[in-house]
C-alpha atoms as a PDB file:
ATOM      1  CA  MET A   1      14.977 -85.673   8.818  1.00  0.00           C
ATOM      2  CA  ASN A   2      16.740 -83.533  11.397  1.00  0.00           C
ATOM      3  CA  GLN A   3      13.995 -82.643  13.878  1.00  0.00           C
ATOM      4  CA  TYR A   4      15.984 -79.624  15.084  1.00  0.00           C
ATOM      5  CA  ASP A   5      16.011 -78.077  11.635  1.00  0.00           C
ATOM      6  CA  PRO A   6      13.698 -75.034  11.981  1.00  0.00           C
ATOM      7  CA  GLN A   7      11.469 -76.170   9.120  1.00  0.00           C
ATOM      8  CA  ALA A   8      11.193 -79.729  10.455  1.00  0.00           C
ATOM      9  CA  MET A   9      10.551 -78.436  13.979  1.00  0.00           C
ATOM     10  CA  ASN A  10       7.804 -76.171  12.672  1.00  0.00           C
ATOM     11  CA  GLU A  11       6.238 -79.051  10.712  1.00  0.00           C
ATOM     12  CA  ILE A  12       6.183 -81.314  13.764  1.00  0.00           C
ATOM     13  CA  VAL A  13       4.807 -78.653  16.126  1.00  0.00           C
ATOM     14  CA  THR A  14       2.200 -77.491  13.598  1.00  0.00           C
ATOM     15  CA  GLY A  15       1.294 -81.105  12.796  1.00  0.00           C
ATOM     16  CA  PHE A  16       0.901 -81.930  16.468  1.00  0.00           C
ATOM     17  CA  VAL A  17      -1.341 -78.884  17.051  1.00  0.00           C
ATOM     18  CA  ARG A  18      -3.514 -79.974  14.098  1.00  0.00           C
ATOM     19  CA  PHE A  19      -3.550 -83.565  15.349  1.00  0.00           C
ATOM     20  CA  ILE A  20      -4.778 -82.459  18.787  1.00  0.00           C
ATOM     21  CA  ASP A  21      -7.343 -80.114  17.264  1.00  0.00           C
ATOM     22  CA  ARG A  22      -8.783 -82.841  15.040  1.00  0.00           C
ATOM     23  CA  ARG A  23      -8.472 -86.023  17.100  1.00  0.00           C
ATOM     24  CA  HIS A  24      -8.146 -85.325  20.810  1.00  0.00           C
ATOM     25  CA  ARG A  25     -11.191 -85.379  23.047  1.00  0.00           C
ATOM     26  CA  ASN A  26     -10.713 -83.910  26.501  1.00  0.00           C
ATOM     27  CA  ASN A  27     -12.236 -86.777  28.427  1.00  0.00           C
ATOM     28  CA  GLU A  28     -10.169 -89.599  27.011  1.00  0.00           C
ATOM     29  CA  ILE A  29      -6.805 -91.202  27.690  1.00  0.00           C
ATOM     30  CA  TYR A  30      -5.058 -92.592  24.622  1.00  0.00           C
ATOM     31  CA  ASP A  31      -2.136 -94.850  23.902  1.00  0.00           C
ATOM     32  CA  SER A  32       0.940 -92.828  22.960  1.00  0.00           C
ATOM     33  CA  LYS A  33       1.217 -94.975  19.814  1.00  0.00           C
ATOM     34  CA  ASN A  34      -1.631 -92.853  18.413  1.00  0.00           C
ATOM     35  CA  LEU A  35       0.607 -89.773  18.286  1.00  0.00           C
ATOM     36  CA  PRO A  36       2.075 -88.877  14.877  1.00  0.00           C
ATOM     37  CA  TRP A  37       5.622 -88.592  16.334  1.00  0.00           C
ATOM     38  CA  PRO A  38       7.251 -89.890  19.525  1.00  0.00           C
ATOM     39  CA  LYS A  39       5.792 -88.144  22.570  1.00  0.00           C
ATOM     40  CA  ALA A  40       9.204 -87.063  23.908  1.00  0.00           C
ATOM     41  CA  THR A  41      10.047 -85.476  20.537  1.00  0.00           C
ATOM     42  CA  ILE A  42       6.746 -83.602  20.454  1.00  0.00           C
ATOM     43  CA  ILE A  43       7.187 -82.270  23.994  1.00  0.00           C
ATOM     44  CA  ASP A  44      10.810 -81.268  23.378  1.00  0.00           C
ATOM     45  CA  LEU A  45      10.046 -79.431  20.137  1.00  0.00           C
ATOM     46  CA  CYS A  46       6.941 -77.717  21.498  1.00  0.00           C
ATOM     47  CA  LEU A  47       8.928 -76.435  24.492  1.00  0.00           C
ATOM     48  CA  ARG A  48      11.733 -75.239  22.200  1.00  0.00           C
ATOM     49  CA  ARG A  49       9.193 -73.424  20.043  1.00  0.00           C
ATOM     50  CA  LEU A  50       7.561 -71.862  23.108  1.00  0.00           C
ATOM     51  CA  LYS A  51      10.944 -70.481  24.191  1.00  0.00           C
ATOM     52  CA  SER A  52      11.489 -68.737  20.871  1.00  0.00           C
ATOM     53  CA  GLU A  53       7.953 -67.820  19.806  1.00  0.00           C
ATOM     54  CA  LYS A  54       7.076 -64.142  20.275  1.00  0.00           C
ATOM     55  CA  ASN A  55       3.426 -64.238  19.214  1.00  0.00           C
ATOM     56  CA  GLN A  56       1.235 -64.704  22.291  1.00  0.00           C
ATOM     57  CA  HIS A  57      -1.622 -66.312  20.353  1.00  0.00           C
ATOM     58  CA  ILE A  58       0.692 -68.918  18.812  1.00  0.00           C
ATOM     59  CA  ARG A  59       2.289 -69.611  22.230  1.00  0.00           C
ATOM     60  CA  ARG A  60      -1.178 -70.116  23.750  1.00  0.00           C
ATOM     61  CA  THR A  61      -2.177 -72.509  20.943  1.00  0.00           C
ATOM     62  CA  ILE A  62       1.006 -74.551  21.339  1.00  0.00           C
ATOM     63  CA  THR A  63       0.616 -74.589  25.130  1.00  0.00           C
ATOM     64  CA  ASP A  64      -3.001 -75.760  24.923  1.00  0.00           C
ATOM     65  CA  SER A  65      -1.991 -78.596  22.596  1.00  0.00           C
ATOM     66  CA  LEU A  66       1.073 -79.469  24.669  1.00  0.00           C
ATOM     67  CA  LEU A  67      -1.083 -79.853  27.785  1.00  0.00           C
ATOM     68  CA  CYS A  68      -2.932 -82.643  25.957  1.00  0.00           C
ATOM     69  CA  ALA A  69       0.278 -84.695  25.621  1.00  0.00           C
ATOM     70  CA  PRO A  70      -0.015 -86.212  29.142  1.00  0.00           C
ATOM     71  CA  PHE A  71      -3.280 -87.829  28.056  1.00  0.00           C
ATOM     72  CA  TYR A  72      -1.221 -90.057  25.738  1.00  0.00           C
ATOM     73  CA  GLN A  73       0.373 -92.786  27.810  1.00  0.00           C
ATOM     74  CA  GLU A  74       2.397 -95.844  26.852  1.00  0.00           C
ATOM     75  CA  GLY A  75       0.649 -99.190  27.033  1.00  0.00           C
ATOM     76  CA  VAL A  76      -2.925 -97.950  27.318  1.00  0.00           C
ATOM     77  CA  GLY A  77      -3.954 -99.851  24.201  1.00  0.00           C
ATOM     78  CA  MET A  78      -7.387 -99.545  22.722  1.00  0.00           C
ATOM     79  CA  GLU A  79      -9.236-100.837  25.742  1.00  0.00           C
ATOM     80  CA  ALA A  80     -11.849 -99.048  27.806  1.00  0.00           C
ATOM     81  CA  MET A  81      -9.650 -96.138  28.939  1.00  0.00           C
ATOM     82  CA  GLN A  82     -11.334 -94.133  26.207  1.00  0.00           C
ATOM     83  CA  GLU A  83     -14.785 -95.283  27.261  1.00  0.00           C
ATOM     84  CA  CYS A  84     -14.659 -94.118  30.867  1.00  0.00           C
ATOM     85  CA  ARG A  85     -15.951 -90.636  30.016  1.00  0.00           C
ATOM     86  CA  PHE A  86     -14.388 -88.954  33.039  1.00  0.00           C
ATOM     87  CA  ASP A  87     -13.938 -85.375  31.943  1.00  0.00           C
ATOM     88  CA  LEU A  88     -10.435 -85.009  33.311  1.00  0.00           C
ATOM     89  CA  PHE A  89     -10.013 -81.382  32.268  1.00  0.00           C
ATOM     90  CA  THR A  90     -13.108 -80.189  34.135  1.00  0.00           C
ATOM     91  CA  MET A  91     -11.915 -82.096  37.206  1.00  0.00           C
ATOM     92  CA  ASP A  92      -8.817 -79.889  37.423  1.00  0.00           C
ATOM     93  CA  ILE A  93      -6.161 -82.574  37.422  1.00  0.00           C
ATOM     94  CA  ALA A  94      -3.899 -80.574  39.710  1.00  0.00           C
ATOM     95  CA  SER A  95      -6.496 -80.746  42.486  1.00  0.00           C
ATOM     96  CA  LEU A  96      -7.079 -84.510  42.387  1.00  0.00           C
ATOM     97  CA  ASP A  97      -5.773 -85.425  45.817  1.00  0.00           C
ATOM     98  CA  GLU A  98      -5.425 -88.982  47.121  1.00  0.00           C
ATOM     99  CA  ASP A  99      -8.925 -88.993  48.630  1.00  0.00           C
ATOM    100  CA  LYS A 100     -10.545 -87.973  45.321  1.00  0.00           C
ATOM    101  CA  LEU A 101      -8.446 -90.547  43.486  1.00  0.00           C
ATOM    102  CA  ARG A 102      -9.483 -93.264  45.971  1.00  0.00           C
ATOM    103  CA  ARG A 103     -13.176 -92.390  45.524  1.00  0.00           C
ATOM    104  CA  MET A 104     -12.726 -92.406  41.758  1.00  0.00           C
ATOM    105  CA  LYS A 105     -11.184 -95.879  41.963  1.00  0.00           C
ATOM    106  CA  LEU A 106     -14.221 -97.155  43.904  1.00  0.00           C
ATOM    107  CA  THR A 107     -16.553 -95.607  41.333  1.00  0.00           C
ATOM    108  CA  ILE A 108     -14.652 -97.277  38.508  1.00  0.00           C
ATOM    109  CA  ALA A 109     -14.719-100.664  40.232  1.00  0.00           C
ATOM    110  CA  GLU A 110     -18.472-100.388  40.810  1.00  0.00           C
ATOM    111  CA  HIS A 111     -19.690 -98.829  37.561  1.00  0.00           C
ATOM    112  CA  LEU A 112     -17.021 -99.706  35.010  1.00  0.00           C
ATOM    113  CA  PRO A 113     -15.991-103.288  35.780  1.00  0.00           C
ATOM    114  CA  GLN A 114     -14.477-103.666  32.297  1.00  0.00           C
ATOM    115  CA  LEU A 115     -11.697-101.276  33.316  1.00  0.00           C
ATOM    116  CA  GLU A 116      -8.739-102.529  35.280  1.00  0.00           C
ATOM    117  CA  SER A 117      -9.059 -99.966  38.071  1.00  0.00           C
ATOM    118  CA  GLU A 118      -5.429-100.321  39.231  1.00  0.00           C
ATOM    119  CA  LYS A 119      -4.124 -99.743  35.718  1.00  0.00           C
ATOM    120  CA  PHE A 120      -6.493 -96.833  35.214  1.00  0.00           C
ATOM    121  CA  MET A 121      -5.439 -95.179  38.464  1.00  0.00           C
ATOM    122  CA  ALA A 122      -1.734 -95.656  37.726  1.00  0.00           C
ATOM    123  CA  THR A 123      -2.266 -94.141  34.287  1.00  0.00           C
ATOM    124  CA  LEU A 124      -4.289 -91.275  35.738  1.00  0.00           C
ATOM    125  CA  ARG A 125      -1.484 -90.519  38.213  1.00  0.00           C
ATOM    126  CA  LEU A 126       1.001 -90.409  35.316  1.00  0.00           C
ATOM    127  CA  VAL A 127      -1.307 -88.053  33.434  1.00  0.00           C
ATOM    128  CA  GLN A 128      -1.583 -85.883  36.551  1.00  0.00           C
ATOM    129  CA  GLU A 129       2.192 -85.770  37.133  1.00  0.00           C
ATOM    130  CA  GLU A 130       3.022 -85.009  33.507  1.00  0.00           C
ATOM    131  CA  PHE A 131       0.261 -82.425  33.246  1.00  0.00           C
ATOM    132  CA  ASN A 132       1.433 -80.589  36.360  1.00  0.00           C
ATOM    133  CA  LEU A 133       5.062 -80.622  35.208  1.00  0.00           C
ATOM    134  CA  LEU A 134       4.243 -79.372  31.713  1.00  0.00           C
ATOM    135  CA  ASN A 135       1.830 -76.776  33.069  1.00  0.00           C
ATOM    136  CA  LYS A 136       4.506 -75.358  35.401  1.00  0.00           C
ATOM    137  CA  THR A 137       7.075 -75.375  32.598  1.00  0.00           C
ATOM    138  CA  CYS A 138       4.676 -73.519  30.285  1.00  0.00           C
ATOM    139  CA  GLU A 139       3.893 -70.990  33.026  1.00  0.00           C
ATOM    140  CA  LEU A 140       7.624 -70.349  33.545  1.00  0.00           C
ATOM    141  CA  LEU A 141       8.169 -69.894  29.818  1.00  0.00           C
ATOM    142  CA  GLU A 142       5.258 -67.458  29.684  1.00  0.00           C
ATOM    143  CA  GLN A 143       6.753 -65.467  32.565  1.00  0.00           C
ATOM    144  CA  GLU A 144      10.068 -65.319  30.698  1.00  0.00           C
ATOM    145  CA  HIS A 145       8.274 -63.892  27.659  1.00  0.00           C
ATOM    146  CA  GLU A 146       6.535 -61.291  29.806  1.00  0.00           C
ATOM    147  CA  LEU A 147       9.850 -60.216  31.357  1.00  0.00           C
ATOM    148  CA  SER A 148      11.830 -59.977  28.134  1.00  0.00           C
ATOM    149  CA  PRO A 149      11.308 -56.704  26.242  1.00  0.00           C
ATOM    150  CA  PRO A 150      10.256 -56.988  22.600  1.00  0.00           C
ATOM    151  CA  PRO A 151      12.869 -56.187  19.951  1.00  0.00           C
ATOM    152  CA  PRO A 152      12.678 -52.525  18.803  1.00  0.00           C
ATOM    153  CA  ASP A 153      11.172 -53.107  15.358  1.00  0.00           C
ATOM    154  CA  ALA A 154       9.508 -56.478  15.884  1.00  0.00           C
ATOM    155  CA  ALA A 155       6.339 -57.073  13.960  1.00  0.00           C
ATOM    156  CA  PRO A 156       4.286 -60.147  14.895  1.00  0.00           C
ATOM    157  CA  THR A 157       4.237 -62.906  12.298  1.00  0.00           C
ATOM    158  CA  VAL A 158       1.707 -65.679  12.116  1.00  0.00           C
END
C-alpha cells in the first residue's frame, strides 16, 4: 500500500481519527505500539491532509486527533502509566514548567510508588515537547488556511 496515494492517506487519517475517538482517554499515556499505524506515518499524513483540507470542521477534527498523538510514546508498555489518572489536558501541558514537573514527580513518588517516577517524568517531557511542536504546526497551518482565499466556485465537501 502506498501511503501517499490519496485514498490510502484518507483511510489512514480517517482510521486514526476513529481510533482516537473510540480508544483514547485524555488522562492516559499509551505505548505507541497501540496505534493502528506507525506514529510517524500518522503524524505525517495528518499534517499533509491539514495542508490540503479546505473544510474547517474536518481540519479541526484532524487537529484534535493529531494532538493526541504525543500521548503515545515508545516503550511505555502496559504498566501503570495508564493508571496515574493525571488529567494532562486540563493541566495545559504547555504551561508545565520545571517547578510544576518537580512537584508532580514528588507526588508520584509519594502516592504512586508503582510508577517509576523518572521514567514517567521523561515520558511526560516527551509528551509535552511533541504536543507543543504539533500544536504550533497546526496553528501555522490554520493561519495559512485563513490567509489563502477560497477558490471561486468551491463548495465544501464532507
